[in-house]
PDB file of N, CA and C in Angstrom:
ATOM      1  N   MET A   1     -57.022  -2.915  18.261  1.00  0.00           N
ATOM      2  CA  MET A   1     -57.028  -1.570  17.882  1.00  0.00           C
ATOM      3  C   MET A   1     -55.909  -0.808  18.584  1.00  0.00           C
ATOM      4  N   THR A   2     -54.932  -0.320  17.886  1.00  0.00           N
ATOM      5  CA  THR A   2     -53.791   0.341  18.501  1.00  0.00           C
ATOM      6  C   THR A   2     -53.990   1.856  18.420  1.00  0.00           C
ATOM      7  N   ASN A   3     -53.602   2.486  19.534  1.00  0.00           N
ATOM      8  CA  ASN A   3     -53.756   3.913  19.628  1.00  0.00           C
ATOM      9  C   ASN A   3     -52.383   4.527  19.607  1.00  0.00           C
ATOM     10  N   GLU A   4     -51.754   4.629  18.448  1.00  0.00           N
ATOM     11  CA  GLU A   4     -50.436   5.193  18.324  1.00  0.00           C
ATOM     12  C   GLU A   4     -50.483   6.736  18.252  1.00  0.00           C
ATOM     13  N   LYS A   5     -49.623   7.312  19.095  1.00  0.00           N
ATOM     14  CA  LYS A   5     -49.546   8.797  19.156  1.00  0.00           C
ATOM     15  C   LYS A   5     -48.452   9.184  18.074  1.00  0.00           C
ATOM     16  N   PRO A   6     -48.555  10.430  17.587  1.00  0.00           N
ATOM     17  CA  PRO A   6     -47.669  10.876  16.496  1.00  0.00           C
ATOM     18  C   PRO A   6     -46.205  10.831  16.914  1.00  0.00           C
ATOM     19  N   TYR A   7     -45.865  10.951  18.233  1.00  0.00           N
ATOM     20  CA  TYR A   7     -44.505  10.928  18.669  1.00  0.00           C
ATOM     21  C   TYR A   7     -44.448  10.493  20.163  1.00  0.00           C
ATOM     22  N   LYS A   8     -43.248  10.267  20.624  1.00  0.00           N
ATOM     23  CA  LYS A   8     -43.028   9.725  21.955  1.00  0.00           C
ATOM     24  C   LYS A   8     -43.480  10.686  23.067  1.00  0.00           C
ATOM     25  N   ARG A   9     -43.707  10.119  24.249  1.00  0.00           N
ATOM     26  CA  ARG A   9     -44.071  10.937  25.390  1.00  0.00           C
ATOM     27  C   ARG A   9     -42.977  11.909  25.729  1.00  0.00           C
ATOM     28  N   THR A  10     -41.747  11.479  25.656  1.00  0.00           N
ATOM     29  CA  THR A  10     -40.648  12.387  26.012  1.00  0.00           C
ATOM     30  C   THR A  10     -40.605  13.593  25.068  1.00  0.00           C
ATOM     31  N   GLU A  11     -40.964  13.374  23.819  1.00  0.00           N
ATOM     32  CA  GLU A  11     -41.013  14.508  22.898  1.00  0.00           C
ATOM     33  C   GLU A  11     -42.154  15.471  23.220  1.00  0.00           C
ATOM     34  N   ARG A  12     -43.279  14.905  23.594  1.00  0.00           N
ATOM     35  CA  ARG A  12     -44.455  15.783  23.959  1.00  0.00           C
ATOM     36  C   ARG A  12     -44.121  16.533  25.248  1.00  0.00           C
ATOM     37  N   VAL A  13     -43.532  15.909  26.225  1.00  0.00           N
ATOM     38  CA  VAL A  13     -43.209  16.560  27.430  1.00  0.00           C
ATOM     39  C   VAL A  13     -42.107  17.616  27.204  1.00  0.00           C
ATOM     40  N   SER A  14     -41.134  17.337  26.369  1.00  0.00           N
ATOM     41  CA  SER A  14     -40.100  18.346  26.056  1.00  0.00           C
ATOM     42  C   SER A  14     -40.710  19.615  25.447  1.00  0.00           C
ATOM     43  N   LEU A  15     -41.626  19.402  24.483  1.00  0.00           N
ATOM     44  CA  LEU A  15     -42.233  20.582  23.858  1.00  0.00           C
ATOM     45  C   LEU A  15     -43.131  21.346  24.874  1.00  0.00           C
ATOM     46  N   GLN A  16     -43.778  20.670  25.711  1.00  0.00           N
ATOM     47  CA  GLN A  16     -44.552  21.322  26.747  1.00  0.00           C
ATOM     48  C   GLN A  16     -43.687  22.117  27.769  1.00  0.00           C
ATOM     49  N   ILE A  17     -42.580  21.543  28.122  1.00  0.00           N
ATOM     50  CA  ILE A  17     -41.679  22.217  29.065  1.00  0.00           C
ATOM     51  C   ILE A  17     -41.093  23.446  28.351  1.00  0.00           C
ATOM     52  N   GLN A  18     -40.703  23.340  27.085  1.00  0.00           N
ATOM     53  CA  GLN A  18     -40.156  24.482  26.348  1.00  0.00           C
ATOM     54  C   GLN A  18     -41.181  25.624  26.327  1.00  0.00           C
ATOM     55  N   GLN A  19     -42.450  25.315  26.042  1.00  0.00           N
ATOM     56  CA  GLN A  19     -43.527  26.312  25.981  1.00  0.00           C
ATOM     57  C   GLN A  19     -43.696  26.913  27.395  1.00  0.00           C
ATOM     58  N   ILE A  20     -43.735  26.162  28.452  1.00  0.00           N
ATOM     59  CA  ILE A  20     -43.973  26.674  29.766  1.00  0.00           C
ATOM     60  C   ILE A  20     -42.803  27.590  30.237  1.00  0.00           C
ATOM     61  N   LEU A  21     -41.559  27.173  29.897  1.00  0.00           N
ATOM     62  CA  LEU A  21     -40.441  27.981  30.272  1.00  0.00           C
ATOM     63  C   LEU A  21     -40.511  29.346  29.652  1.00  0.00           C
ATOM     64  N   GLY A  22     -40.919  29.415  28.416  1.00  0.00           N
ATOM     65  CA  GLY A  22     -41.140  30.718  27.732  1.00  0.00           C
ATOM     66  C   GLY A  22     -42.162  31.564  28.434  1.00  0.00           C
ATOM     67  N   GLU A  23     -43.268  30.877  28.905  1.00  0.00           N
ATOM     68  CA  GLU A  23     -44.325  31.626  29.625  1.00  0.00           C
ATOM     69  C   GLU A  23     -43.762  32.108  30.977  1.00  0.00           C
ATOM     70  N   ILE A  24     -42.945  31.246  31.687  1.00  0.00           N
ATOM     71  CA  ILE A  24     -42.381  31.649  32.967  1.00  0.00           C
ATOM     72  C   ILE A  24     -41.586  32.869  32.848  1.00  0.00           C
ATOM     73  N   THR A  25     -40.811  33.014  31.697  1.00  0.00           N
ATOM     74  CA  THR A  25     -39.980  34.194  31.608  1.00  0.00           C
ATOM     75  C   THR A  25     -40.775  35.491  31.369  1.00  0.00           C
ATOM     76  N   THR A  26     -41.975  35.341  30.880  1.00  0.00           N
ATOM     77  CA  THR A  26     -42.783  36.523  30.675  1.00  0.00           C
ATOM     78  C   THR A  26     -43.656  36.893  31.881  1.00  0.00           C
ATOM     79  N   LYS A  27     -43.981  35.870  32.705  1.00  0.00           N
ATOM     80  CA  LYS A  27     -44.854  36.090  33.828  1.00  0.00           C
ATOM     81  C   LYS A  27     -44.151  36.245  35.179  1.00  0.00           C
ATOM     82  N   HIS A  28     -43.133  35.361  35.419  1.00  0.00           N
ATOM     83  CA  HIS A  28     -42.601  35.226  36.744  1.00  0.00           C
ATOM     84  C   HIS A  28     -41.133  35.654  36.939  1.00  0.00           C
ATOM     85  N   ILE A  29     -40.283  35.231  36.031  1.00  0.00           N
ATOM     86  CA  ILE A  29     -38.853  35.456  36.176  1.00  0.00           C
ATOM     87  C   ILE A  29     -38.341  36.366  35.032  1.00  0.00           C
ATOM     88  N   ASP A  30     -37.772  37.530  35.435  1.00  0.00           N
ATOM     89  CA  ASP A  30     -37.315  38.515  34.434  1.00  0.00           C
ATOM     90  C   ASP A  30     -35.815  38.182  34.167  1.00  0.00           C
ATOM     91  N   ILE A  31     -35.542  37.776  32.921  1.00  0.00           N
ATOM     92  CA  ILE A  31     -34.173  37.501  32.491  1.00  0.00           C
ATOM     93  C   ILE A  31     -33.772  38.496  31.424  1.00  0.00           C
ATOM     94  N   SER A  32     -34.456  39.597  31.322  1.00  0.00           N
ATOM     95  CA  SER A  32     -34.177  40.560  30.225  1.00  0.00           C
ATOM     96  C   SER A  32     -32.811  41.187  30.462  1.00  0.00           C
ATOM     97  N   HIS A  33     -32.279  41.192  31.673  1.00  0.00           N
ATOM     98  CA  HIS A  33     -30.975  41.826  31.915  1.00  0.00           C
ATOM     99  C   HIS A  33     -29.816  40.987  31.270  1.00  0.00           C
ATOM    100  N   LEU A  34     -30.165  39.746  30.852  1.00  0.00           N
ATOM    101  CA  LEU A  34     -29.114  38.887  30.273  1.00  0.00           C
ATOM    102  C   LEU A  34     -29.065  39.119  28.740  1.00  0.00           C
ATOM    103  N   GLY A  35     -30.120  39.649  28.182  1.00  0.00           N
ATOM    104  CA  GLY A  35     -30.249  39.767  26.660  1.00  0.00           C
ATOM    105  C   GLY A  35     -31.574  39.162  26.324  1.00  0.00           C
ATOM    106  N   PHE A  36     -31.814  39.076  25.001  1.00  0.00           N
ATOM    107  CA  PHE A  36     -33.045  38.417  24.563  1.00  0.00           C
ATOM    108  C   PHE A  36     -32.821  36.962  24.402  1.00  0.00           C
ATOM    109  N   ILE A  37     -33.391  36.197  25.296  1.00  0.00           N
ATOM    110  CA  ILE A  37     -33.136  34.756  25.352  1.00  0.00           C
ATOM    111  C   ILE A  37     -34.372  33.987  24.892  1.00  0.00           C
ATOM    112  N   THR A  38     -34.126  33.041  24.023  1.00  0.00           N
ATOM    113  CA  THR A  38     -35.225  32.122  23.614  1.00  0.00           C
ATOM    114  C   THR A  38     -34.824  30.711  23.870  1.00  0.00           C
ATOM    115  N   PHE A  39     -35.773  29.912  24.294  1.00  0.00           N
ATOM    116  CA  PHE A  39     -35.454  28.476  24.569  1.00  0.00           C
ATOM    117  C   PHE A  39     -35.712  27.744  23.220  1.00  0.00           C
ATOM    118  N   THR A  40     -34.650  27.162  22.682  1.00  0.00           N
ATOM    119  CA  THR A  40     -34.790  26.564  21.303  1.00  0.00           C
ATOM    120  C   THR A  40     -35.230  25.165  21.327  1.00  0.00           C
ATOM    121  N   ARG A  41     -34.798  24.383  22.324  1.00  0.00           N
ATOM    122  CA  ARG A  41     -35.278  23.019  22.450  1.00  0.00           C
ATOM    123  C   ARG A  41     -34.956  22.489  23.856  1.00  0.00           C
ATOM    124  N   VAL A  42     -35.686  21.375  24.182  1.00  0.00           N
ATOM    125  CA  VAL A  42     -35.525  20.743  25.439  1.00  0.00           C
ATOM    126  C   VAL A  42     -35.332  19.251  25.150  1.00  0.00           C
ATOM    127  N   GLU A  43     -34.311  18.685  25.754  1.00  0.00           N
ATOM    128  CA  GLU A  43     -34.136  17.247  25.720  1.00  0.00           C
ATOM    129  C   GLU A  43     -34.338  16.689  27.100  1.00  0.00           C
ATOM    130  N   ILE A  44     -35.176  15.696  27.220  1.00  0.00           N
ATOM    131  CA  ILE A  44     -35.503  15.062  28.519  1.00  0.00           C
ATOM    132  C   ILE A  44     -35.104  13.640  28.549  1.00  0.00           C
ATOM    133  N   SER A  45     -34.694  13.189  29.680  1.00  0.00           N
ATOM    134  CA  SER A  45     -34.313  11.780  29.824  1.00  0.00           C
ATOM    135  C   SER A  45     -35.538  10.873  29.763  1.00  0.00           C
ATOM    136  N   PRO A  46     -35.334   9.573  29.429  1.00  0.00           N
ATOM    137  CA  PRO A  46     -36.516   8.707  29.291  1.00  0.00           C
ATOM    138  C   PRO A  46     -37.326   8.552  30.578  1.00  0.00           C
ATOM    139  N   ASP A  47     -36.710   8.718  31.729  1.00  0.00           N
ATOM    140  CA  ASP A  47     -37.452   8.638  32.984  1.00  0.00           C
ATOM    141  C   ASP A  47     -38.068   9.938  33.401  1.00  0.00           C
ATOM    142  N   LEU A  48     -37.918  10.960  32.577  1.00  0.00           N
ATOM    143  CA  LEU A  48     -38.471  12.305  32.749  1.00  0.00           C
ATOM    144  C   LEU A  48     -37.991  12.986  34.080  1.00  0.00           C
ATOM    145  N   ARG A  49     -36.822  12.642  34.505  1.00  0.00           N
ATOM    146  CA  ARG A  49     -36.278  13.255  35.723  1.00  0.00           C
ATOM    147  C   ARG A  49     -35.255  14.342  35.487  1.00  0.00           C
ATOM    148  N   HIS A  50     -34.599  14.327  34.300  1.00  0.00           N
ATOM    149  CA  HIS A  50     -33.580  15.304  33.975  1.00  0.00           C
ATOM    150  C   HIS A  50     -33.843  15.840  32.601  1.00  0.00           C
ATOM    151  N   SER A  51     -33.568  17.201  32.480  1.00  0.00           N
ATOM    152  CA  SER A  51     -33.788  17.758  31.150  1.00  0.00           C
ATOM    153  C   SER A  51     -32.629  18.768  30.846  1.00  0.00           C
ATOM    154  N   LYS A  52     -32.291  18.879  29.596  1.00  0.00           N
ATOM    155  CA  LYS A  52     -31.323  19.838  29.097  1.00  0.00           C
ATOM    156  C   LYS A  52     -32.148  20.872  28.320  1.00  0.00           C
ATOM    157  N   VAL A  53     -31.997  22.124  28.747  1.00  0.00           N
ATOM    158  CA  VAL A  53     -32.690  23.257  28.100  1.00  0.00           C
ATOM    159  C   VAL A  53     -31.685  24.034  27.267  1.00  0.00           C
ATOM    160  N   PHE A  54     -31.909  24.076  26.003  1.00  0.00           N
ATOM    161  CA  PHE A  54     -30.995  24.783  25.101  1.00  0.00           C
ATOM    162  C   PHE A  54     -31.635  26.175  24.814  1.00  0.00           C
ATOM    163  N   TYR A  55     -30.762  27.183  24.793  1.00  0.00           N
ATOM    164  CA  TYR A  55     -31.213  28.547  24.582  1.00  0.00           C
ATOM    165  C   TYR A  55     -30.308  29.257  23.602  1.00  0.00           C
ATOM    166  N   SER A  56     -30.800  30.280  22.977  1.00  0.00           N
ATOM    167  CA  SER A  56     -30.026  31.177  22.168  1.00  0.00           C
ATOM    168  C   SER A  56     -30.181  32.603  22.693  1.00  0.00           C
ATOM    169  N   VAL A  57     -29.220  33.408  22.454  1.00  0.00           N
ATOM    170  CA  VAL A  57     -29.207  34.796  23.003  1.00  0.00           C
ATOM    171  C   VAL A  57     -28.989  35.774  21.900  1.00  0.00           C
ATOM    172  N   LEU A  58     -29.810  36.805  21.848  1.00  0.00           N
ATOM    173  CA  LEU A  58     -29.564  37.954  20.915  1.00  0.00           C
ATOM    174  C   LEU A  58     -29.361  39.137  21.852  1.00  0.00           C
ATOM    175  N   ASN A  59     -28.476  40.044  21.379  1.00  0.00           N
ATOM    176  CA  ASN A  59     -28.187  41.230  22.163  1.00  0.00           C
ATOM    177  C   ASN A  59     -27.662  40.928  23.564  1.00  0.00           C
ATOM    178  N   GLU A  60     -26.607  40.118  23.564  1.00  0.00           N
ATOM    179  CA  GLU A  60     -25.990  39.692  24.825  1.00  0.00           C
ATOM    180  C   GLU A  60     -25.590  40.893  25.670  1.00  0.00           C
ATOM    181  N   ASN A  61     -25.988  40.950  26.938  1.00  0.00           N
ATOM    182  CA  ASN A  61     -25.599  41.980  27.850  1.00  0.00           C
ATOM    183  C   ASN A  61     -24.419  41.610  28.718  1.00  0.00           C
ATOM    184  N   MET A  62     -24.004  40.341  28.646  1.00  0.00           N
ATOM    185  CA  MET A  62     -22.877  39.851  29.426  1.00  0.00           C
ATOM    186  C   MET A  62     -22.301  38.655  28.615  1.00  0.00           C
ATOM    187  N   SER A  63     -21.202  38.104  29.107  1.00  0.00           N
ATOM    188  CA  SER A  63     -20.581  37.077  28.375  1.00  0.00           C
ATOM    189  C   SER A  63     -21.438  35.803  28.396  1.00  0.00           C
ATOM    190  N   VAL A  64     -21.230  34.937  27.413  1.00  0.00           N
ATOM    191  CA  VAL A  64     -22.054  33.704  27.280  1.00  0.00           C
ATOM    192  C   VAL A  64     -21.909  32.840  28.552  1.00  0.00           C
ATOM    193  N   ASP A  65     -20.680  32.754  29.062  1.00  0.00           N
ATOM    194  CA  ASP A  65     -20.445  31.977  30.296  1.00  0.00           C
ATOM    195  C   ASP A  65     -21.173  32.554  31.437  1.00  0.00           C
ATOM    196  N   ASP A  66     -21.218  33.844  31.620  1.00  0.00           N
ATOM    197  CA  ASP A  66     -21.965  34.442  32.690  1.00  0.00           C
ATOM    198  C   ASP A  66     -23.476  34.233  32.552  1.00  0.00           C
ATOM    199  N   ILE A  67     -23.959  34.278  31.307  1.00  0.00           N
ATOM    200  CA  ILE A  67     -25.384  34.047  31.082  1.00  0.00           C
ATOM    201  C   ILE A  67     -25.716  32.586  31.455  1.00  0.00           C
ATOM    202  N   ASN A  68     -24.865  31.693  31.112  1.00  0.00           N
ATOM    203  CA  ASN A  68     -25.073  30.216  31.390  1.00  0.00           C
ATOM    204  C   ASN A  68     -25.110  30.102  32.895  1.00  0.00           C
ATOM    205  N   ILE A  69     -24.190  30.694  33.582  1.00  0.00           N
ATOM    206  CA  ILE A  69     -24.130  30.540  35.089  1.00  0.00           C
ATOM    207  C   ILE A  69     -25.392  31.126  35.703  1.00  0.00           C
ATOM    208  N   GLU A  70     -25.820  32.264  35.227  1.00  0.00           N
ATOM    209  CA  GLU A  70     -26.966  32.945  35.765  1.00  0.00           C
ATOM    210  C   GLU A  70     -28.251  32.137  35.517  1.00  0.00           C
ATOM    211  N   LEU A  71     -28.423  31.598  34.335  1.00  0.00           N
ATOM    212  CA  LEU A  71     -29.565  30.738  34.039  1.00  0.00           C
ATOM    213  C   LEU A  71     -29.561  29.470  34.902  1.00  0.00           C
ATOM    214  N   ASN A  72     -28.425  28.857  35.094  1.00  0.00           N
ATOM    215  CA  ASN A  72     -28.336  27.637  35.916  1.00  0.00           C
ATOM    216  C   ASN A  72     -28.603  28.002  37.369  1.00  0.00           C
ATOM    217  N   ASN A  73     -28.272  29.168  37.825  1.00  0.00           N
ATOM    218  CA  ASN A  73     -28.542  29.650  39.174  1.00  0.00           C
ATOM    219  C   ASN A  73     -30.059  29.795  39.350  1.00  0.00           C
ATOM    220  N   LEU A  74     -30.757  30.113  38.257  1.00  0.00           N
ATOM    221  CA  LEU A  74     -32.204  30.304  38.315  1.00  0.00           C
ATOM    222  C   LEU A  74     -32.997  29.030  38.095  1.00  0.00           C
ATOM    223  N   ALA A  75     -32.281  27.900  37.918  1.00  0.00           N
ATOM    224  CA  ALA A  75     -32.902  26.620  37.554  1.00  0.00           C
ATOM    225  C   ALA A  75     -33.970  26.207  38.588  1.00  0.00           C
ATOM    226  N   LYS A  76     -33.639  26.425  39.890  1.00  0.00           N
ATOM    227  CA  LYS A  76     -34.608  26.013  40.948  1.00  0.00           C
ATOM    228  C   LYS A  76     -35.887  26.850  40.837  1.00  0.00           C
ATOM    229  N   ALA A  77     -35.794  28.119  40.568  1.00  0.00           N
ATOM    230  CA  ALA A  77     -36.946  28.963  40.421  1.00  0.00           C
ATOM    231  C   ALA A  77     -37.738  28.515  39.214  1.00  0.00           C
ATOM    232  N   PHE A  78     -37.103  28.242  38.110  1.00  0.00           N
ATOM    233  CA  PHE A  78     -37.789  27.783  36.913  1.00  0.00           C
ATOM    234  C   PHE A  78     -38.497  26.505  37.250  1.00  0.00           C
ATOM    235  N   ARG A  79     -37.879  25.599  37.960  1.00  0.00           N
ATOM    236  CA  ARG A  79     -38.452  24.300  38.289  1.00  0.00           C
ATOM    237  C   ARG A  79     -39.629  24.465  39.174  1.00  0.00           C
ATOM    238  N   LYS A  80     -39.569  25.425  40.137  1.00  0.00           N
ATOM    239  CA  LYS A  80     -40.757  25.660  40.995  1.00  0.00           C
ATOM    240  C   LYS A  80     -41.968  26.080  40.220  1.00  0.00           C
ATOM    241  N   TYR A  81     -41.804  27.058  39.317  1.00  0.00           N
ATOM    242  CA  TYR A  81     -42.932  27.460  38.533  1.00  0.00           C
ATOM    243  C   TYR A  81     -43.407  26.415  37.475  1.00  0.00           C
ATOM    244  N   LEU A  82     -42.468  25.651  37.004  1.00  0.00           N
ATOM    245  CA  LEU A  82     -42.779  24.580  36.085  1.00  0.00           C
ATOM    246  C   LEU A  82     -43.654  23.570  36.804  1.00  0.00           C
ATOM    247  N   GLY A  83     -43.395  23.316  38.084  1.00  0.00           N
ATOM    248  CA  GLY A  83     -44.160  22.340  38.829  1.00  0.00           C
ATOM    249  C   GLY A  83     -45.639  22.781  39.032  1.00  0.00           C
ATOM    250  N   HIS A  84     -45.846  24.098  38.966  1.00  0.00           N
ATOM    251  CA  HIS A  84     -47.251  24.583  39.042  1.00  0.00           C
ATOM    252  C   HIS A  84     -48.034  24.368  37.757  1.00  0.00           C
ATOM    253  N   GLU A  85     -47.296  24.300  36.649  1.00  0.00           N
ATOM    254  CA  GLU A  85     -47.908  24.333  35.312  1.00  0.00           C
ATOM    255  C   GLU A  85     -48.007  22.975  34.679  1.00  0.00           C
ATOM    256  N   ILE A  86     -47.198  21.993  35.068  1.00  0.00           N
ATOM    257  CA  ILE A  86     -47.128  20.685  34.331  1.00  0.00           C
ATOM    258  C   ILE A  86     -47.541  19.614  35.293  1.00  0.00           C
ATOM    259  N   ARG A  87     -48.210  18.593  34.735  1.00  0.00           N
ATOM    260  CA  ARG A  87     -48.699  17.504  35.553  1.00  0.00           C
ATOM    261  C   ARG A  87     -47.784  16.254  35.325  1.00  0.00           C
ATOM    262  N   LEU A  88     -46.799  16.159  36.173  1.00  0.00           N
ATOM    263  CA  LEU A  88     -45.885  14.999  36.094  1.00  0.00           C
ATOM    264  C   LEU A  88     -45.682  14.482  37.550  1.00  0.00           C
ATOM    265  N   LYS A  89     -45.332  13.217  37.656  1.00  0.00           N
ATOM    266  CA  LYS A  89     -45.089  12.694  39.033  1.00  0.00           C
ATOM    267  C   LYS A  89     -43.830  13.388  39.610  1.00  0.00           C
ATOM    268  N   ASN A  90     -42.814  13.496  38.805  1.00  0.00           N
ATOM    269  CA  ASN A  90     -41.582  14.166  39.212  1.00  0.00           C
ATOM    270  C   ASN A  90     -41.261  15.335  38.272  1.00  0.00           C
ATOM    271  N   ILE A  91     -41.010  16.493  38.852  1.00  0.00           N
ATOM    272  CA  ILE A  91     -40.664  17.624  38.003  1.00  0.00           C
ATOM    273  C   ILE A  91     -39.174  17.491  37.649  1.00  0.00           C
ATOM    274  N   PRO A  92     -38.801  17.534  36.368  1.00  0.00           N
ATOM    275  CA  PRO A  92     -37.401  17.274  35.969  1.00  0.00           C
ATOM    276  C   PRO A  92     -36.464  18.375  36.446  1.00  0.00           C
ATOM    277  N   ASP A  93     -35.221  17.963  36.758  1.00  0.00           N
ATOM    278  CA  ASP A  93     -34.183  18.947  36.997  1.00  0.00           C
ATOM    279  C   ASP A  93     -33.838  19.603  35.691  1.00  0.00           C
ATOM    280  N   LEU A  94     -33.529  20.893  35.802  1.00  0.00           N
ATOM    281  CA  LEU A  94     -33.211  21.637  34.574  1.00  0.00           C
ATOM    282  C   LEU A  94     -31.771  22.067  34.521  1.00  0.00           C
ATOM    283  N   LYS A  95     -31.110  21.853  33.409  1.00  0.00           N
ATOM    284  CA  LYS A  95     -29.726  22.280  33.163  1.00  0.00           C
ATOM    285  C   LYS A  95     -29.853  23.044  31.884  1.00  0.00           C
ATOM    286  N   PHE A  96     -29.184  24.267  31.877  1.00  0.00           N
ATOM    287  CA  PHE A  96     -29.287  25.158  30.714  1.00  0.00           C
ATOM    288  C   PHE A  96     -27.979  25.111  29.975  1.00  0.00           C
ATOM    289  N   PHE A  97     -28.054  25.091  28.649  1.00  0.00           N
ATOM    290  CA  PHE A  97     -26.898  25.053  27.770  1.00  0.00           C
ATOM    291  C   PHE A  97     -27.173  25.989  26.588  1.00  0.00           C
ATOM    292  N   GLN A  98     -26.095  26.658  26.135  1.00  0.00           N
ATOM    293  CA  GLN A  98     -26.251  27.496  24.971  1.00  0.00           C
ATOM    294  C   GLN A  98     -26.439  26.620  23.754  1.00  0.00           C
ATOM    295  N   ASP A  99     -27.366  26.958  22.865  1.00  0.00           N
ATOM    296  CA  ASP A  99     -27.560  26.241  21.645  1.00  0.00           C
ATOM    297  C   ASP A  99     -26.586  26.766  20.611  1.00  0.00           C
ATOM    298  N   LYS A 100     -25.546  25.963  20.286  1.00  0.00           N
ATOM    299  CA  LYS A 100     -24.563  26.418  19.398  1.00  0.00           C
ATOM    300  C   LYS A 100     -24.900  26.124  17.905  1.00  0.00           C
ATOM    301  N   SER A 101     -26.020  25.422  17.703  1.00  0.00           N
ATOM    302  CA  SER A 101     -26.354  25.015  16.326  1.00  0.00           C
ATOM    303  C   SER A 101     -26.674  26.224  15.469  1.00  0.00           C
ATOM    304  N   ILE A 102     -27.233  27.299  16.025  1.00  0.00           N
ATOM    305  CA  ILE A 102     -27.581  28.462  15.239  1.00  0.00           C
ATOM    306  C   ILE A 102     -26.273  29.176  14.793  1.00  0.00           C
ATOM    307  N   LYS A 103     -25.344  29.330  15.674  1.00  0.00           N
ATOM    308  CA  LYS A 103     -24.044  29.983  15.265  1.00  0.00           C
ATOM    309  C   LYS A 103     -23.322  29.104  14.241  1.00  0.00           C
ATOM    310  N   HIS A 104     -23.390  27.804  14.410  1.00  0.00           N
ATOM    311  CA  HIS A 104     -22.799  26.855  13.489  1.00  0.00           C
ATOM    312  C   HIS A 104     -23.455  27.012  12.108  1.00  0.00           C
ATOM    313  N   GLU A 105     -24.768  27.103  12.106  1.00  0.00           N
ATOM    314  CA  GLU A 105     -25.491  27.260  10.806  1.00  0.00           C
ATOM    315  C   GLU A 105     -25.084  28.585  10.140  1.00  0.00           C
ATOM    316  N   GLU A 106     -24.968  29.674  10.929  1.00  0.00           N
ATOM    317  CA  GLU A 106     -24.562  30.928  10.319  1.00  0.00           C
ATOM    318  C   GLU A 106     -23.179  30.844   9.781  1.00  0.00           C
ATOM    319  N   HIS A 107     -22.263  30.164  10.447  1.00  0.00           N
ATOM    320  CA  HIS A 107     -20.908  29.965   9.997  1.00  0.00           C
ATOM    321  C   HIS A 107     -20.901  29.187   8.691  1.00  0.00           C
ATOM    322  N   MET A 108     -21.673  28.150   8.611  1.00  0.00           N
ATOM    323  CA  MET A 108     -21.702  27.352   7.388  1.00  0.00           C
ATOM    324  C   MET A 108     -22.300  28.109   6.224  1.00  0.00           C
ATOM    325  N   GLN A 109     -23.294  28.985   6.483  1.00  0.00           N
ATOM    326  CA  GLN A 109     -23.883  29.802   5.433  1.00  0.00           C
ATOM    327  C   GLN A 109     -22.847  30.781   4.901  1.00  0.00           C
ATOM    328  N   SER A 110     -22.030  31.311   5.808  1.00  0.00           N
ATOM    329  CA  SER A 110     -21.014  32.284   5.329  1.00  0.00           C
ATOM    330  C   SER A 110     -19.972  31.567   4.510  1.00  0.00           C
ATOM    331  N   ILE A 111     -19.637  30.332   4.857  1.00  0.00           N
ATOM    332  CA  ILE A 111     -18.689  29.581   4.021  1.00  0.00           C
ATOM    333  C   ILE A 111     -19.261  29.314   2.640  1.00  0.00           C
ATOM    334  N   PHE A 112     -20.503  28.823   2.575  1.00  0.00           N
ATOM    335  CA  PHE A 112     -21.144  28.625   1.306  1.00  0.00           C
ATOM    336  C   PHE A 112     -21.251  29.897   0.463  1.00  0.00           C
ATOM    337  N   LYS A 113     -21.555  30.980   1.063  1.00  0.00           N
ATOM    338  CA  LYS A 113     -21.657  32.261   0.364  1.00  0.00           C
ATOM    339  C   LYS A 113     -20.260  32.643  -0.215  1.00  0.00           C
ATOM    340  N   LYS A 114     -19.265  32.457   0.611  1.00  0.00           N
ATOM    341  CA  LYS A 114     -17.899  32.765   0.192  1.00  0.00           C
ATOM    342  C   LYS A 114     -17.489  31.830  -1.026  1.00  0.00           C
ATOM    343  N   LEU A 115     -17.859  30.595  -0.912  1.00  0.00           N
ATOM    344  CA  LEU A 115     -17.536  29.681  -2.004  1.00  0.00           C
ATOM    345  C   LEU A 115     -18.237  30.023  -3.331  1.00  0.00           C
ATOM    346  N   ASN A 116     -19.463  30.475  -3.199  1.00  0.00           N
ATOM    347  CA  ASN A 116     -20.241  30.853  -4.372  1.00  0.00           C
ATOM    348  C   ASN A 116     -19.696  32.181  -5.009  1.00  0.00           C
ATOM    349  N   THR A 117     -19.211  33.084  -4.187  1.00  0.00           N
ATOM    350  CA  THR A 117     -18.638  34.305  -4.758  1.00  0.00           C
ATOM    351  C   THR A 117     -17.241  34.044  -5.337  1.00  0.00           C
ATOM    352  N   ASP A 118     -16.530  33.103  -4.810  1.00  0.00           N
ATOM    353  CA  ASP A 118     -15.196  32.743  -5.354  1.00  0.00           C
ATOM    354  C   ASP A 118     -15.357  32.055  -6.706  1.00  0.00           C
ATOM    355  N   LYS A 119     -16.424  31.276  -6.926  1.00  0.00           N
ATOM    356  CA  LYS A 119     -16.638  30.654  -8.219  1.00  0.00           C
ATOM    357  C   LYS A 119     -16.894  31.617  -9.367  1.00  0.00           C
ATOM    358  N   SER A 120     -17.551  32.694  -9.032  1.00  0.00           N
ATOM    359  CA  SER A 120     -17.951  33.679 -10.054  1.00  0.00           C
ATOM    360  C   SER A 120     -16.896  34.434 -10.620  1.00  0.00           C
TER     361      SER A 120
END
C-alpha cells in the first residue's frame, strides 16, 4: 500500500513558507514603506536549507533595487519569525528576488493587443 502525496515535500514546504512570510509582514515586520509587496512564490532547495522568495510590488515607494536590498537586509528577521512558525530541522536561508514574470506577462499582453488592433 503506497501513500503517495499529491506533490513533493519541497513544494509543500515552499507553499507553507510563502504563507507564513505573508503573515509575518502583517504581524511582526512592517514593510509598507516599500510599497504593497506580495510574495508570489518560494523556491526551496532539495535539502530545505536555502530558499528564493519571489515578490511583486505595487505602488513602489522607492526603486526596485532599493526594495530588493531592504528586503534582503530584513532576511534574518524574517528567518527568525519563520523559525517560530514552521517545524523544520533547519530553517532555510532566505534570499529575496523581484518576480519579473508579472511584468513580462503584461508586456506580452500589450504586444498581443497591439497585434490584434493592427489586424483590424
